[in-house]
Protein backbone atom coordinates (compact mmCIF):
# COMPACT_ATOMS: atom_id res chain seq x y z
CA GLU A 1 -38.05 81.02 -201.21
CA GLU A 2 -35.04 80.15 -203.53
CA ILE A 3 -35.19 76.59 -205.08
CA LEU A 4 -32.47 76.64 -207.47
CA SER A 5 -29.05 78.05 -206.45
CA PHE A 6 -27.25 77.74 -209.66
CA ALA A 7 -27.30 76.27 -212.94
CA ALA A 8 -24.70 75.12 -215.60
CA LEU A 9 -26.28 75.02 -218.85
CA ASP A 10 -25.05 73.70 -222.55
CA VAL A 11 -27.78 72.78 -224.70
CA PHE A 12 -30.77 74.92 -225.56
CA VAL A 13 -34.01 74.33 -227.75
CA ASN A 14 -32.84 77.11 -230.08
CA GLU A 15 -28.99 77.10 -230.91
CA PRO A 16 -27.29 79.20 -230.49
CA LEU A 17 -28.87 80.68 -227.58
CA GLU A 18 -30.45 84.15 -228.60
CA ILE A 19 -28.17 87.05 -228.02
CA ASP A 20 -30.89 88.87 -226.12
CA SER A 21 -31.58 86.04 -223.73
CA PRO A 22 -31.61 86.83 -220.12
CA LEU A 23 -29.72 83.74 -219.32
CA TRP A 24 -26.35 85.50 -220.70
CA GLU A 25 -26.51 88.06 -217.77
CA HIS A 26 -28.21 85.88 -214.91
CA PRO A 27 -25.98 85.84 -211.86
CA LYS A 28 -26.74 82.13 -211.11
CA VAL A 29 -26.38 80.67 -214.63
CA PHE A 30 -23.07 79.59 -216.29
CA ILE A 31 -23.34 78.81 -220.02
CA SER A 32 -20.93 76.46 -221.40
CA PRO A 33 -19.72 76.33 -224.88
CA HIS A 34 -20.11 72.95 -226.59
CA VAL A 35 -16.96 71.18 -225.30
CA SER A 36 -17.01 68.74 -222.72
CA GLY A 37 -13.23 69.02 -221.98
CA THR A 38 -9.80 69.06 -223.59
CA LEU A 39 -7.75 66.12 -224.23
CA GLU A 40 -4.16 66.10 -225.05
CA HIS A 41 -4.33 64.31 -228.31
CA PHE A 42 -7.87 65.73 -229.24
CA ARG A 43 -6.92 67.05 -232.69
CA ASP A 44 -5.00 63.82 -233.68
CA GLU A 45 -8.04 61.73 -232.71
CA LEU A 46 -10.67 64.00 -234.29
CA PHE A 47 -8.77 63.72 -237.73
CA GLU A 48 -8.78 59.87 -237.32
CA ILE A 49 -12.58 60.29 -237.74
CA VAL A 50 -12.63 63.26 -239.88
CA LYS A 51 -10.07 62.32 -242.52
CA PRO A 52 -11.72 58.97 -243.68
CA ASN A 53 -15.31 60.56 -243.55
CA VAL A 54 -14.29 63.37 -245.82
CA SER A 55 -12.51 61.07 -248.19
CA ALA A 56 -15.73 58.70 -248.29
CA TYR A 57 -17.87 61.42 -248.75
CA VAL A 58 -16.00 62.94 -251.65
CA SER A 59 -15.69 59.31 -253.42
CA GLU A 60 -18.88 57.59 -252.23
CA GLY A 61 -21.20 60.52 -251.13
CA SER A 62 -21.35 59.46 -247.44
CA PRO A 63 -19.36 59.32 -244.31
CA VAL A 64 -18.23 55.81 -242.98
CA LYS A 65 -17.31 56.52 -239.27
CA ASN A 66 -19.49 57.57 -236.25
CA ILE A 67 -22.45 57.87 -238.36
CA ILE A 68 -25.61 59.09 -236.61
CA ASP A 69 -28.52 56.59 -236.51
CA TYR A 70 -31.47 59.15 -236.58
CA LYS A 71 -34.00 56.51 -235.56
CA THR A 72 -32.29 56.16 -232.22
CA SER A 73 -30.84 59.59 -232.02
CA TYR A 74 -27.21 58.28 -231.53
C-alpha cells in the first residue's frame, strides 16, 4: 500500500542535505533549492535591505533592517 505519492522538500534537519542521502535519487521526491520564486526586481529589493545592513554593521556592529528575533524565531 502506497501512502505518499510524491514529496517536494526544501528544508532538512542537516543543511545542506548530505550528498549520500537516498532522497537525492528517490523517484518520488523533488528537492527544491532554497528559493521560493523569482521576482523581476529581486536584486534591487534585496539590496534595499543589504546595503543599509552592511553600512550599519560596519559602523555600529549590528544590522538595522529585517533583524531576526531569536526568541520568537522570526
